[in-house]
Amino acid sequence: MTATASLLQPITTVSEMKPLLLLPVASLLLLCAAAAAGDPTPTPTPTPWPPQFHATLVMDYHGNMSVADLWYDWPGGRNLHVIRYQLAADAPYYDNEWNNGTSFFYTPARRSCRSAAVGVGILRPDWLRPGAVYLGRRDAGGFDCHVWAKADFITYYEDVRTKRPVKWVFYTGRTAYVMSFEVGAVLENAAWQAPEYCFTKDGGIGESTKISDGHDDSFIPRSVL
């Protein structure tokens, strides 16, 4: 039988049919692989903050070290930072922010207080999502992190595995390292009350001054809203 005649003969055995039966399956697999290659992984989005939490932060501001307790209470419309600067005799320093746009900055050891009418409230739990630019994955002290930047003001590191914040870097050079993050922790109401000398009108020991904004004093900037 000639080679041409052999090609014209019908396929009569299973072994001869197998290669032809596998062709459609192989083609389908190739199409699926191509489709998967053309469908990139979705860009990660920042995890919203829990409505209430307590975080312990180690702060580095151009070599000026401090430790801050951050209490965030979205349902209560308030945000409190209790800051202890390295070897400071008058620690702690309080940054007390409210959703009505008022902030108080006071040092009980000196009975000093300033108030700020900034006109905006505290950060929303999803404050980072609108306008944040994803920068990819980076190492932060041994943590594999997703990284976002927002408003040319803050770079935010979030642990890929746990979704907890790891580090914040502000354009001013201030860096916050998150040492602990307690979801659901609530500070008692009495601790939120600004001292009475924050409300004096005649100056003196408890002088209270109004300033146009609190960006220099406030730990979390309003410009990222």
N, C-alpha and C. Protein backbone atom coordinates (compact mmCIF):
# COMPACT_ATOMS: atom_id res chain seq x y z
N MET A 1 0.85 -1.18 0.00
CA MET A 1 0.00 0.00 0.00
C MET A 1 0.89 1.24 0.00
N THR A 2 0.55 2.22 -0.84
CA THR A 2 1.35 3.43 -0.94
C THR A 2 1.08 4.31 0.27
N ALA A 3 1.95 5.33 0.49
CA ALA A 3 1.79 6.27 1.61
C ALA A 3 0.51 7.05 1.48
N THR A 4 0.15 7.43 0.17
CA THR A 4 -1.08 8.20 -0.05
C THR A 4 -2.30 7.38 0.30
N ALA A 5 -2.30 6.14 -0.08
CA ALA A 5 -3.42 5.25 0.21
C ALA A 5 -3.56 5.02 1.70
N SER A 6 -2.42 4.97 2.41
CA SER A 6 -2.48 4.76 3.85
C SER A 6 -3.18 5.90 4.56
N LEU A 7 -2.99 7.13 4.07
CA LEU A 7 -3.61 8.30 4.69
C LEU A 7 -5.10 8.31 4.47
N LEU A 8 -5.56 7.69 3.40
CA LEU A 8 -6.98 7.68 3.08
C LEU A 8 -7.75 6.59 3.80
N GLN A 9 -7.05 5.65 4.45
CA GLN A 9 -7.71 4.56 5.12
C GLN A 9 -8.42 5.07 6.38
N PRO A 10 -9.63 4.58 6.73
CA PRO A 10 -10.33 5.00 7.95
C PRO A 10 -9.59 4.52 9.19
N ILE A 11 -9.74 5.32 10.29
CA ILE A 11 -9.12 4.94 11.55
C ILE A 11 -10.00 3.90 12.21
N THR A 12 -9.41 2.78 12.54
CA THR A 12 -10.22 1.66 13.03
C THR A 12 -9.84 1.23 14.43
N THR A 13 -8.73 1.77 14.98
CA THR A 13 -8.31 1.33 16.31
C THR A 13 -8.36 2.49 17.30
N VAL A 14 -8.52 2.12 18.60
CA VAL A 14 -8.58 3.14 19.65
C VAL A 14 -7.26 3.88 19.76
N SER A 15 -6.16 3.15 19.61
CA SER A 15 -4.85 3.78 19.72
C SER A 15 -4.64 4.83 18.65
N GLU A 16 -5.26 4.59 17.47
CA GLU A 16 -5.13 5.58 16.40
C GLU A 16 -6.01 6.79 16.66
N MET A 17 -7.11 6.64 17.42
CA MET A 17 -8.04 7.73 17.67
C MET A 17 -7.58 8.64 18.82
N LYS A 18 -6.79 8.12 19.77
CA LYS A 18 -6.43 8.88 20.95
C LYS A 18 -5.78 10.23 20.64
N PRO A 19 -4.78 10.28 19.74
CA PRO A 19 -4.16 11.59 19.47
C PRO A 19 -5.16 12.62 18.97
N LEU A 20 -6.13 12.16 18.13
CA LEU A 20 -7.11 13.10 17.58
C LEU A 20 -8.08 13.56 18.66
N LEU A 21 -8.44 12.68 19.60
CA LEU A 21 -9.36 13.05 20.66
C LEU A 21 -8.72 14.05 21.62
N LEU A 22 -7.41 13.96 21.79
CA LEU A 22 -6.73 14.85 22.72
C LEU A 22 -6.50 16.24 22.15
N LEU A 23 -6.59 16.39 20.84
CA LEU A 23 -6.33 17.69 20.23
C LEU A 23 -7.28 18.77 20.72
N PRO A 24 -8.62 18.54 20.75
CA PRO A 24 -9.52 19.59 21.26
C PRO A 24 -9.25 19.95 22.73
N VAL A 25 -8.91 18.94 23.56
CA VAL A 25 -8.63 19.19 24.96
C VAL A 25 -7.37 20.05 25.10
N ALA A 26 -6.34 19.72 24.36
CA ALA A 26 -5.09 20.49 24.41
C ALA A 26 -5.32 21.92 23.95
N SER A 27 -6.13 22.09 22.92
CA SER A 27 -6.42 23.44 22.42
C SER A 27 -7.16 24.26 23.46
N LEU A 28 -8.12 23.61 24.15
CA LEU A 28 -8.88 24.30 25.19
C LEU A 28 -7.99 24.74 26.33
N LEU A 29 -7.06 23.88 26.72
CA LEU A 29 -6.14 24.22 27.80
C LEU A 29 -5.24 25.39 27.42
N LEU A 30 -4.80 25.39 26.17
CA LEU A 30 -3.96 26.50 25.71
C LEU A 30 -4.72 27.81 25.70
N LEU A 31 -6.02 27.76 25.32
CA LEU A 31 -6.84 28.96 25.31
C LEU A 31 -7.05 29.49 26.72
N CYS A 32 -7.29 28.57 27.68
CA CYS A 32 -7.48 28.97 29.07
C CYS A 32 -6.22 29.61 29.64
N ALA A 33 -5.06 29.01 29.30
CA ALA A 33 -3.79 29.56 29.79
C ALA A 33 -3.55 30.94 29.23
N ALA A 34 -3.89 31.12 27.97
CA ALA A 34 -3.71 32.43 27.34
C ALA A 34 -4.62 33.46 27.98
N ALA A 35 -5.84 33.05 28.28
CA ALA A 35 -6.79 33.97 28.90
C ALA A 35 -6.33 34.37 30.29
N ALA A 36 -5.79 33.38 31.02
CA ALA A 36 -5.31 33.68 32.37
C ALA A 36 -4.12 34.62 32.33
N ALA A 37 -3.25 34.44 31.35
CA ALA A 37 -2.09 35.31 31.22
C ALA A 37 -2.50 36.73 30.90
N GLY A 38 -3.60 36.90 30.20
CA GLY A 38 -4.06 38.23 29.83
C GLY A 38 -4.92 38.88 30.88
N ASP A 39 -5.21 38.21 32.02
CA ASP A 39 -6.04 38.74 33.09
C ASP A 39 -5.18 38.97 34.32
N PRO A 40 -4.60 40.18 34.49
CA PRO A 40 -3.68 40.42 35.59
C PRO A 40 -4.37 40.35 36.94
N THR A 41 -3.58 40.10 37.98
CA THR A 41 -4.12 40.05 39.34
C THR A 41 -4.66 41.43 39.72
N PRO A 42 -5.85 41.50 40.29
CA PRO A 42 -6.41 42.81 40.67
C PRO A 42 -5.50 43.55 41.64
N THR A 43 -5.45 44.87 41.50
CA THR A 43 -4.65 45.69 42.40
C THR A 43 -5.22 45.64 43.81
N PRO A 44 -4.41 45.33 44.81
CA PRO A 44 -4.92 45.27 46.19
C PRO A 44 -5.47 46.61 46.64
N THR A 45 -6.45 46.58 47.53
CA THR A 45 -7.00 47.79 48.12
C THR A 45 -6.72 47.78 49.62
N PRO A 46 -6.49 48.94 50.23
CA PRO A 46 -6.18 48.99 51.65
C PRO A 46 -7.34 48.47 52.49
N THR A 47 -7.01 47.78 53.56
CA THR A 47 -8.02 47.29 54.48
C THR A 47 -8.53 48.44 55.35
N PRO A 48 -9.83 48.67 55.41
CA PRO A 48 -10.34 49.75 56.27
C PRO A 48 -9.96 49.53 57.73
N TRP A 49 -9.78 50.61 58.44
CA TRP A 49 -9.54 50.49 59.87
C TRP A 49 -10.77 49.93 60.56
N PRO A 50 -10.59 49.18 61.64
CA PRO A 50 -11.76 48.77 62.44
C PRO A 50 -12.37 50.00 63.10
N PRO A 51 -13.65 49.96 63.44
CA PRO A 51 -14.30 51.14 64.02
C PRO A 51 -13.64 51.62 65.31
N GLN A 52 -13.07 50.68 66.07
CA GLN A 52 -12.40 51.04 67.32
C GLN A 52 -11.13 50.19 67.46
N PHE A 53 -10.05 50.83 67.86
CA PHE A 53 -8.81 50.08 68.09
C PHE A 53 -7.86 50.90 68.95
N HIS A 54 -6.86 50.21 69.47
CA HIS A 54 -5.75 50.85 70.18
C HIS A 54 -4.46 50.35 69.56
N ALA A 55 -3.57 51.28 69.23
CA ALA A 55 -2.28 50.91 68.65
C ALA A 55 -1.17 51.56 69.46
N THR A 56 -0.09 50.83 69.65
CA THR A 56 1.12 51.38 70.26
C THR A 56 2.12 51.64 69.15
N LEU A 57 2.64 52.85 69.11
CA LEU A 57 3.49 53.27 68.01
C LEU A 57 4.83 53.77 68.53
N VAL A 58 5.89 53.40 67.85
CA VAL A 58 7.20 54.00 68.09
C VAL A 58 7.43 55.01 66.98
N MET A 59 7.69 56.27 67.37
CA MET A 59 7.79 57.36 66.42
C MET A 59 9.24 57.82 66.27
N ASP A 60 9.61 58.10 65.04
CA ASP A 60 10.93 58.65 64.76
C ASP A 60 10.74 59.89 63.88
N TYR A 61 11.07 61.05 64.44
CA TYR A 61 10.93 62.29 63.69
C TYR A 61 12.29 62.96 63.61
N HIS A 62 13.02 62.64 62.54
CA HIS A 62 14.38 63.15 62.34
C HIS A 62 15.25 62.88 63.57
N GLY A 63 15.12 61.69 64.11
CA GLY A 63 15.93 61.30 65.27
C GLY A 63 15.30 61.62 66.60
N ASN A 64 14.21 62.36 66.63
CA ASN A 64 13.49 62.66 67.86
C ASN A 64 12.52 61.51 68.11
N MET A 65 12.79 60.69 69.13
CA MET A 65 12.04 59.48 69.34
C MET A 65 10.91 59.69 70.35
N SER A 66 9.83 58.97 70.14
CA SER A 66 8.70 59.02 71.08
C SER A 66 7.90 57.73 70.95
N VAL A 67 7.06 57.51 71.95
CA VAL A 67 6.11 56.38 71.94
C VAL A 67 4.72 56.97 72.05
N ALA A 68 3.81 56.49 71.22
CA ALA A 68 2.45 57.04 71.21
C ALA A 68 1.43 55.92 71.37
N ASP A 69 0.44 56.19 72.20
CA ASP A 69 -0.74 55.33 72.27
C ASP A 69 -1.82 56.00 71.43
N LEU A 70 -2.29 55.29 70.42
CA LEU A 70 -3.33 55.82 69.54
C LEU A 70 -4.64 55.10 69.84
N TRP A 71 -5.64 55.88 70.25
CA TRP A 71 -6.98 55.35 70.50
C TRP A 71 -7.91 55.91 69.42
N TYR A 72 -8.50 55.02 68.65
CA TYR A 72 -9.38 55.42 67.55
C TYR A 72 -10.79 54.94 67.86
N ASP A 73 -11.74 55.87 67.82
CA ASP A 73 -13.13 55.54 68.17
C ASP A 73 -14.06 56.21 67.16
N TRP A 74 -14.28 55.53 66.05
CA TRP A 74 -15.13 56.09 65.00
C TRP A 74 -16.58 56.27 65.46
N PRO A 75 -17.21 55.29 66.13
CA PRO A 75 -18.59 55.50 66.60
C PRO A 75 -18.70 56.70 67.54
N GLY A 76 -17.67 56.92 68.34
CA GLY A 76 -17.69 58.05 69.27
C GLY A 76 -17.25 59.36 68.63
N GLY A 77 -16.77 59.30 67.38
CA GLY A 77 -16.33 60.51 66.70
C GLY A 77 -15.11 61.16 67.34
N ARG A 78 -14.13 60.34 67.75
CA ARG A 78 -12.99 60.90 68.46
C ARG A 78 -11.72 60.07 68.22
N ASN A 79 -10.60 60.72 68.39
CA ASN A 79 -9.30 60.14 68.09
C ASN A 79 -8.30 60.75 69.07
N LEU A 80 -7.58 59.92 69.82
CA LEU A 80 -6.68 60.43 70.85
C LEU A 80 -5.30 59.82 70.71
N HIS A 81 -4.28 60.71 70.77
CA HIS A 81 -2.89 60.26 70.79
C HIS A 81 -2.27 60.72 72.10
N VAL A 82 -1.71 59.79 72.83
CA VAL A 82 -1.00 60.09 74.08
C VAL A 82 0.48 59.84 73.78
N ILE A 83 1.26 60.93 73.71
CA ILE A 83 2.62 60.86 73.18
C ILE A 83 3.63 61.10 74.30
N ARG A 84 4.62 60.24 74.38
CA ARG A 84 5.69 60.37 75.37
C ARG A 84 7.02 60.48 74.62
N TYR A 85 7.58 61.68 74.65
CA TYR A 85 8.86 61.91 73.98
C TYR A 85 10.01 61.36 74.82
N GLN A 86 11.06 60.98 74.15
CA GLN A 86 12.19 60.33 74.83
C GLN A 86 12.78 61.23 75.92
N LEU A 87 12.79 60.71 77.15
CA LEU A 87 13.39 61.38 78.31
C LEU A 87 12.77 62.74 78.60
N ALA A 88 11.56 62.98 78.16
CA ALA A 88 10.90 64.26 78.42
C ALA A 88 10.35 64.28 79.84
N ALA A 89 10.67 65.35 80.57
CA ALA A 89 10.24 65.44 81.96
C ALA A 89 8.76 65.79 82.07
N ASP A 90 8.20 66.38 81.00
CA ASP A 90 6.80 66.81 81.08
C ASP A 90 5.85 65.88 80.31
N ALA A 91 6.26 64.66 80.07
CA ALA A 91 5.39 63.71 79.36
C ALA A 91 4.19 63.37 80.24
N PRO A 92 3.08 63.00 79.65
CA PRO A 92 2.84 62.88 78.21
C PRO A 92 2.22 64.14 77.59
N TYR A 93 2.18 64.13 76.27
CA TYR A 93 1.56 65.19 75.49
C TYR A 93 0.33 64.59 74.81
N TYR A 94 -0.81 65.29 74.86
CA TYR A 94 -2.07 64.76 74.34
C TYR A 94 -2.48 65.50 73.06
N ASP A 95 -2.88 64.73 72.07
CA ASP A 95 -3.48 65.25 70.84
C ASP A 95 -4.88 64.65 70.79
N ASN A 96 -5.88 65.45 71.13
CA ASN A 96 -7.25 64.99 71.31
C ASN A 96 -8.12 65.58 70.20
N GLU A 97 -8.59 64.73 69.28
CA GLU A 97 -9.29 65.19 68.08
C GLU A 97 -10.73 64.69 68.07
N TRP A 98 -11.63 65.56 67.59
CA TRP A 98 -13.06 65.25 67.60
C TRP A 98 -13.66 65.44 66.22
N ASN A 99 -14.76 64.73 66.00
CA ASN A 99 -15.40 64.76 64.68
C ASN A 99 -16.10 66.08 64.39
N ASN A 100 -16.23 66.95 65.37
CA ASN A 100 -16.83 68.27 65.13
C ASN A 100 -15.81 69.27 64.62
N GLY A 101 -14.58 68.80 64.36
CA GLY A 101 -13.55 69.67 63.81
C GLY A 101 -12.70 70.36 64.85
N THR A 102 -12.86 70.02 66.12
CA THR A 102 -12.08 70.64 67.19
C THR A 102 -11.01 69.68 67.68
N SER A 103 -9.83 70.22 67.92
CA SER A 103 -8.73 69.44 68.49
C SER A 103 -8.15 70.19 69.68
N PHE A 104 -7.67 69.43 70.66
CA PHE A 104 -7.01 70.00 71.83
C PHE A 104 -5.63 69.37 71.95
N PHE A 105 -4.62 70.23 72.22
CA PHE A 105 -3.25 69.76 72.39
C PHE A 105 -2.79 70.23 73.77
N TYR A 106 -2.57 69.30 74.69
CA TYR A 106 -2.29 69.73 76.05
C TYR A 106 -1.25 68.83 76.72
N THR A 107 -0.56 69.46 77.68
CA THR A 107 0.46 68.78 78.48
C THR A 107 0.10 68.99 79.94
N PRO A 108 -0.49 68.00 80.61
CA PRO A 108 -0.92 68.16 82.00
C PRO A 108 0.19 68.59 82.95
N ALA A 109 1.42 68.12 82.73
CA ALA A 109 2.51 68.46 83.63
C ALA A 109 2.79 69.95 83.64
N ARG A 110 2.47 70.65 82.56
CA ARG A 110 2.69 72.10 82.48
C ARG A 110 1.39 72.88 82.49
N ARG A 111 0.28 72.18 82.57
CA ARG A 111 -1.04 72.80 82.52
C ARG A 111 -1.15 73.75 81.33
N SER A 112 -0.61 73.31 80.21
CA SER A 112 -0.67 74.11 78.99
C SER A 112 -1.62 73.44 78.00
N CYS A 113 -2.30 74.27 77.21
CA CYS A 113 -3.26 73.72 76.26
C CYS A 113 -3.44 74.68 75.11
N ARG A 114 -3.58 74.13 73.95
CA ARG A 114 -3.97 74.88 72.76
C ARG A 114 -5.13 74.16 72.10
N SER A 115 -6.03 74.90 71.54
CA SER A 115 -7.14 74.29 70.82
C SER A 115 -7.06 74.70 69.36
N ALA A 116 -7.58 73.85 68.50
CA ALA A 116 -7.54 74.12 67.06
C ALA A 116 -8.90 73.85 66.45
N ALA A 117 -9.41 74.84 65.73
CA ALA A 117 -10.65 74.64 64.98
C ALA A 117 -10.27 74.36 63.53
N VAL A 118 -10.15 73.08 63.19
CA VAL A 118 -9.64 72.71 61.88
C VAL A 118 -10.75 72.54 60.84
N GLY A 119 -12.00 72.46 61.29
CA GLY A 119 -13.11 72.43 60.35
C GLY A 119 -13.44 71.09 59.76
N VAL A 120 -12.66 70.05 60.08
CA VAL A 120 -12.96 68.70 59.59
C VAL A 120 -12.87 67.73 60.77
N GLY A 121 -13.47 66.57 60.58
CA GLY A 121 -13.47 65.58 61.65
C GLY A 121 -12.30 64.63 61.55
N ILE A 122 -12.40 63.52 62.26
CA ILE A 122 -11.35 62.52 62.27
C ILE A 122 -11.40 61.69 60.99
N LEU A 123 -10.38 60.90 60.80
CA LEU A 123 -10.31 60.07 59.61
C LEU A 123 -11.40 59.00 59.62
N ARG A 124 -12.00 58.77 58.48
CA ARG A 124 -12.96 57.68 58.35
C ARG A 124 -12.21 56.34 58.35
N PRO A 125 -12.89 55.23 58.68
CA PRO A 125 -12.21 53.94 58.62
C PRO A 125 -11.64 53.61 57.24
N ASP A 126 -12.29 54.09 56.18
CA ASP A 126 -11.79 53.81 54.82
C ASP A 126 -11.06 55.01 54.23
N TRP A 127 -10.44 55.83 55.08
CA TRP A 127 -9.82 57.07 54.64
C TRP A 127 -8.74 56.86 53.57
N LEU A 128 -8.12 55.70 53.57
CA LEU A 128 -7.00 55.49 52.65
C LEU A 128 -7.44 55.08 51.25
N ARG A 129 -8.64 54.56 51.12
CA ARG A 129 -9.05 54.01 49.82
C ARG A 129 -9.22 55.07 48.73
N PRO A 130 -9.95 56.17 48.98
CA PRO A 130 -10.11 57.14 47.89
C PRO A 130 -8.79 57.84 47.57
N GLY A 131 -8.30 57.65 46.37
CA GLY A 131 -7.12 58.37 45.93
C GLY A 131 -5.79 57.74 46.25
N ALA A 132 -5.77 56.61 46.95
CA ALA A 132 -4.49 55.97 47.27
C ALA A 132 -3.89 55.31 46.04
N VAL A 133 -2.59 55.41 45.88
CA VAL A 133 -1.86 54.83 44.75
C VAL A 133 -1.06 53.62 45.25
N TYR A 134 -1.30 52.48 44.63
CA TYR A 134 -0.61 51.25 45.06
C TYR A 134 0.82 51.26 44.53
N LEU A 135 1.78 51.03 45.42
CA LEU A 135 3.20 51.06 45.06
C LEU A 135 3.82 49.68 44.96
N GLY A 136 3.03 48.63 45.27
CA GLY A 136 3.56 47.27 45.18
C GLY A 136 3.84 46.69 46.55
N ARG A 137 4.62 45.63 46.57
CA ARG A 137 4.96 44.94 47.81
C ARG A 137 6.40 45.25 48.19
N ARG A 138 6.59 45.54 49.49
CA ARG A 138 7.91 45.88 50.00
C ARG A 138 8.10 45.24 51.37
N ASP A 139 9.35 45.06 51.72
CA ASP A 139 9.68 44.56 53.05
C ASP A 139 9.73 45.72 54.03
N ALA A 140 9.15 45.53 55.19
CA ALA A 140 9.20 46.55 56.25
C ALA A 140 9.56 45.85 57.55
N GLY A 141 10.83 45.83 57.87
CA GLY A 141 11.28 45.21 59.11
C GLY A 141 10.99 43.73 59.19
N GLY A 142 11.02 43.05 58.06
CA GLY A 142 10.75 41.62 58.04
C GLY A 142 9.31 41.27 57.73
N PHE A 143 8.44 42.27 57.56
CA PHE A 143 7.05 42.04 57.19
C PHE A 143 6.87 42.27 55.70
N ASP A 144 6.23 41.31 55.06
CA ASP A 144 5.88 41.45 53.64
C ASP A 144 4.64 42.34 53.56
N CYS A 145 4.78 43.51 52.96
CA CYS A 145 3.71 44.51 53.03
C CYS A 145 3.23 44.96 51.65
N HIS A 146 1.92 45.22 51.56
CA HIS A 146 1.38 46.04 50.49
C HIS A 146 1.63 47.49 50.88
N VAL A 147 1.94 48.32 49.89
CA VAL A 147 2.29 49.72 50.17
C VAL A 147 1.46 50.64 49.29
N TRP A 148 0.89 51.68 49.93
CA TRP A 148 0.14 52.70 49.20
C TRP A 148 0.66 54.09 49.58
N ALA A 149 0.52 55.03 48.65
CA ALA A 149 0.82 56.43 48.93
C ALA A 149 -0.44 57.24 48.67
N LYS A 150 -0.62 58.30 49.45
CA LYS A 150 -1.80 59.14 49.26
C LYS A 150 -1.47 60.60 49.46
N ALA A 151 -1.98 61.42 48.55
CA ALA A 151 -1.94 62.88 48.66
C ALA A 151 -0.52 63.42 48.81
N ASP A 152 0.47 62.70 48.30
CA ASP A 152 1.86 63.13 48.45
C ASP A 152 2.17 63.45 49.91
N PHE A 153 1.52 62.74 50.81
CA PHE A 153 1.68 63.06 52.22
C PHE A 153 2.06 61.85 53.06
N ILE A 154 1.48 60.70 52.75
CA ILE A 154 1.70 59.53 53.59
C ILE A 154 1.96 58.30 52.74
N THR A 155 2.87 57.46 53.23
CA THR A 155 3.10 56.13 52.64
C THR A 155 2.72 55.12 53.71
N TYR A 156 1.84 54.20 53.35
CA TYR A 156 1.19 53.31 54.31
C TYR A 156 1.55 51.87 54.00
N TYR A 157 2.07 51.15 55.01
CA TYR A 157 2.49 49.76 54.87
C TYR A 157 1.49 48.86 55.61
N GLU A 158 0.97 47.85 54.91
CA GLU A 158 0.02 46.91 55.50
C GLU A 158 0.51 45.48 55.30
N ASP A 159 0.52 44.71 56.37
CA ASP A 159 0.99 43.33 56.31
C ASP A 159 0.11 42.51 55.35
N VAL A 160 0.73 41.84 54.41
CA VAL A 160 -0.01 41.08 53.41
C VAL A 160 -0.84 39.98 54.05
N ARG A 161 -0.28 39.33 55.05
CA ARG A 161 -0.95 38.16 55.63
C ARG A 161 -2.06 38.55 56.62
N THR A 162 -1.77 39.45 57.54
CA THR A 162 -2.72 39.76 58.60
C THR A 162 -3.61 40.96 58.30
N LYS A 163 -3.22 41.78 57.30
CA LYS A 163 -3.95 43.01 56.94
C LYS A 163 -3.81 44.10 57.99
N ARG A 164 -2.93 43.94 58.96
CA ARG A 164 -2.73 44.97 59.96
C ARG A 164 -1.72 46.01 59.47
N PRO A 165 -1.87 47.27 59.91
CA PRO A 165 -0.86 48.27 59.54
C PRO A 165 0.47 47.96 60.21
N VAL A 166 1.55 48.23 59.51
CA VAL A 166 2.90 47.95 60.01
C VAL A 166 3.70 49.23 60.20
N LYS A 167 3.56 50.16 59.24
CA LYS A 167 4.38 51.38 59.29
C LYS A 167 3.69 52.48 58.50
N TRP A 168 3.82 53.73 58.99
CA TRP A 168 3.35 54.91 58.26
C TRP A 168 4.52 55.87 58.14
N VAL A 169 4.70 56.42 56.95
CA VAL A 169 5.75 57.41 56.73
C VAL A 169 5.10 58.67 56.17
N PHE A 170 5.31 59.81 56.88
CA PHE A 170 4.77 61.08 56.44
C PHE A 170 5.84 61.87 55.68
N TYR A 171 5.39 62.74 54.80
CA TYR A 171 6.33 63.49 53.98
C TYR A 171 7.22 64.41 54.82
N THR A 172 6.78 64.74 56.02
CA THR A 172 7.56 65.60 56.91
C THR A 172 8.79 64.88 57.46
N GLY A 173 8.85 63.57 57.26
CA GLY A 173 9.98 62.80 57.78
C GLY A 173 9.62 62.00 59.01
N ARG A 174 8.40 62.13 59.48
CA ARG A 174 7.96 61.37 60.65
C ARG A 174 7.58 59.96 60.24
N THR A 175 8.11 58.97 60.94
CA THR A 175 7.81 57.57 60.67
C THR A 175 7.22 56.93 61.92
N ALA A 176 6.12 56.22 61.74
CA ALA A 176 5.47 55.52 62.85
C ALA A 176 5.58 54.02 62.62
N TYR A 177 6.10 53.30 63.60
CA TYR A 177 6.21 51.85 63.55
C TYR A 177 5.14 51.27 64.49
N VAL A 178 4.27 50.45 63.95
CA VAL A 178 3.17 49.89 64.73
C VAL A 178 3.68 48.69 65.52
N MET A 179 3.70 48.82 66.84
CA MET A 179 4.21 47.76 67.70
C MET A 179 3.11 46.81 68.14
N SER A 180 1.88 47.33 68.32
CA SER A 180 0.74 46.49 68.67
C SER A 180 -0.50 47.11 68.07
N PHE A 181 -1.50 46.27 67.79
CA PHE A 181 -2.72 46.75 67.16
C PHE A 181 -3.87 45.92 67.71
N GLU A 182 -4.64 46.52 68.64
CA GLU A 182 -5.71 45.82 69.34
C GLU A 182 -7.07 46.23 68.77
N VAL A 183 -7.64 45.38 67.96
CA VAL A 183 -8.93 45.66 67.35
C VAL A 183 -10.02 45.60 68.42
N GLY A 184 -10.89 46.61 68.43
CA GLY A 184 -12.01 46.63 69.37
C GLY A 184 -11.70 47.22 70.72
N ALA A 185 -10.45 47.60 70.98
CA ALA A 185 -10.10 48.19 72.27
C ALA A 185 -10.75 49.56 72.41
N VAL A 186 -11.31 49.84 73.61
CA VAL A 186 -12.04 51.09 73.85
C VAL A 186 -11.48 51.75 75.10
N LEU A 187 -11.23 53.06 75.00
CA LEU A 187 -10.76 53.84 76.14
C LEU A 187 -11.97 54.39 76.90
N GLU A 188 -11.89 54.39 78.23
CA GLU A 188 -13.01 54.87 79.03
C GLU A 188 -13.30 56.34 78.73
N ASN A 189 -14.55 56.71 78.86
CA ASN A 189 -15.00 58.06 78.48
C ASN A 189 -14.26 59.16 79.21
N ALA A 190 -13.95 58.95 80.49
CA ALA A 190 -13.31 59.99 81.28
C ALA A 190 -11.97 60.41 80.70
N ALA A 191 -11.27 59.49 80.06
CA ALA A 191 -9.95 59.79 79.52
C ALA A 191 -10.00 60.67 78.28
N TRP A 192 -11.17 60.82 77.69
CA TRP A 192 -11.32 61.65 76.49
C TRP A 192 -11.56 63.12 76.83
N GLN A 193 -11.89 63.42 78.05
CA GLN A 193 -12.23 64.78 78.43
C GLN A 193 -10.99 65.67 78.49
N ALA A 194 -10.98 66.76 77.72
CA ALA A 194 -9.88 67.71 77.80
C ALA A 194 -9.91 68.41 79.15
N PRO A 195 -8.75 68.78 79.70
CA PRO A 195 -8.70 69.42 81.03
C PRO A 195 -9.45 70.75 81.05
N GLU A 196 -9.85 71.15 82.25
CA GLU A 196 -10.64 72.38 82.38
C GLU A 196 -9.87 73.60 81.93
N TYR A 197 -8.52 73.59 82.06
CA TYR A 197 -7.74 74.76 81.68
C TYR A 197 -7.69 74.96 80.15
N CYS A 198 -8.18 73.97 79.39
CA CYS A 198 -8.28 74.17 77.94
C CYS A 198 -9.41 75.12 77.57
N PHE A 199 -10.26 75.44 78.55
CA PHE A 199 -11.44 76.24 78.25
C PHE A 199 -11.42 77.60 78.95
N THR A 200 -10.29 77.97 79.54
CA THR A 200 -10.20 79.28 80.17
C THR A 200 -10.14 80.37 79.11
N LYS A 201 -10.62 81.56 79.47
CA LYS A 201 -10.68 82.66 78.53
C LYS A 201 -9.72 83.80 78.86
N ASP A 202 -9.17 83.78 80.05
CA ASP A 202 -8.35 84.91 80.49
C ASP A 202 -6.86 84.60 80.48
N GLY A 203 -6.47 83.57 79.75
CA GLY A 203 -5.05 83.25 79.68
C GLY A 203 -4.55 82.70 80.99
N GLY A 204 -3.41 83.23 81.47
CA GLY A 204 -2.87 82.77 82.74
C GLY A 204 -2.29 81.38 82.63
N ILE A 205 -2.42 80.60 83.70
CA ILE A 205 -1.81 79.27 83.75
C ILE A 205 -2.38 78.36 82.66
N GLY A 206 -3.68 78.43 82.50
CA GLY A 206 -4.31 77.53 81.54
C GLY A 206 -4.61 78.19 80.22
N GLU A 207 -3.66 78.94 79.70
CA GLU A 207 -3.91 79.69 78.48
C GLU A 207 -4.32 78.77 77.33
N SER A 208 -5.36 79.16 76.64
CA SER A 208 -5.85 78.40 75.50
C SER A 208 -5.88 79.32 74.29
N THR A 209 -5.22 78.93 73.23
CA THR A 209 -5.16 79.76 72.04
C THR A 209 -5.80 79.06 70.87
N LYS A 210 -6.39 79.84 70.00
CA LYS A 210 -6.98 79.30 68.78
C LYS A 210 -5.97 79.41 67.65
N ILE A 211 -5.77 78.32 66.93
CA ILE A 211 -4.89 78.35 65.78
C ILE A 211 -5.67 77.91 64.56
N SER A 212 -5.19 78.30 63.39
CA SER A 212 -5.97 78.10 62.17
C SER A 212 -6.09 76.65 61.78
N ASP A 213 -5.06 75.87 62.01
CA ASP A 213 -5.16 74.44 61.76
C ASP A 213 -4.19 73.70 62.66
N GLY A 214 -4.37 72.38 62.70
CA GLY A 214 -3.54 71.60 63.61
C GLY A 214 -2.60 70.65 62.90
N HIS A 215 -2.24 70.94 61.66
CA HIS A 215 -1.45 69.99 60.90
C HIS A 215 -0.08 69.74 61.51
N ASP A 216 0.51 70.76 62.14
CA ASP A 216 1.83 70.58 62.73
C ASP A 216 1.76 69.78 64.01
N ASP A 217 0.64 69.89 64.72
CA ASP A 217 0.49 69.21 66.00
C ASP A 217 -0.18 67.85 65.86
N SER A 218 -1.08 67.74 64.92
CA SER A 218 -1.87 66.53 64.80
C SER A 218 -1.04 65.39 64.23
N PHE A 219 -1.16 64.24 64.86
CA PHE A 219 -0.37 63.09 64.41
C PHE A 219 -0.86 62.57 63.07
N ILE A 220 -2.18 62.53 62.87
CA ILE A 220 -2.73 62.08 61.59
C ILE A 220 -3.15 63.31 60.79
N PRO A 221 -2.59 63.53 59.62
CA PRO A 221 -2.87 64.77 58.88
C PRO A 221 -4.26 64.83 58.29
N ARG A 222 -4.83 66.01 58.24
CA ARG A 222 -6.16 66.19 57.66
C ARG A 222 -6.10 66.14 56.13
N SER A 223 -4.94 66.41 55.54
CA SER A 223 -4.85 66.51 54.09
C SER A 223 -5.06 65.18 53.39
N VAL A 224 -5.09 64.07 54.14
CA VAL A 224 -5.31 62.78 53.49
C VAL A 224 -6.78 62.42 53.46
N LEU A 225 -7.64 63.28 53.96
CA LEU A 225 -9.08 63.00 53.95
C LEU A 225 -9.59 62.94 52.52
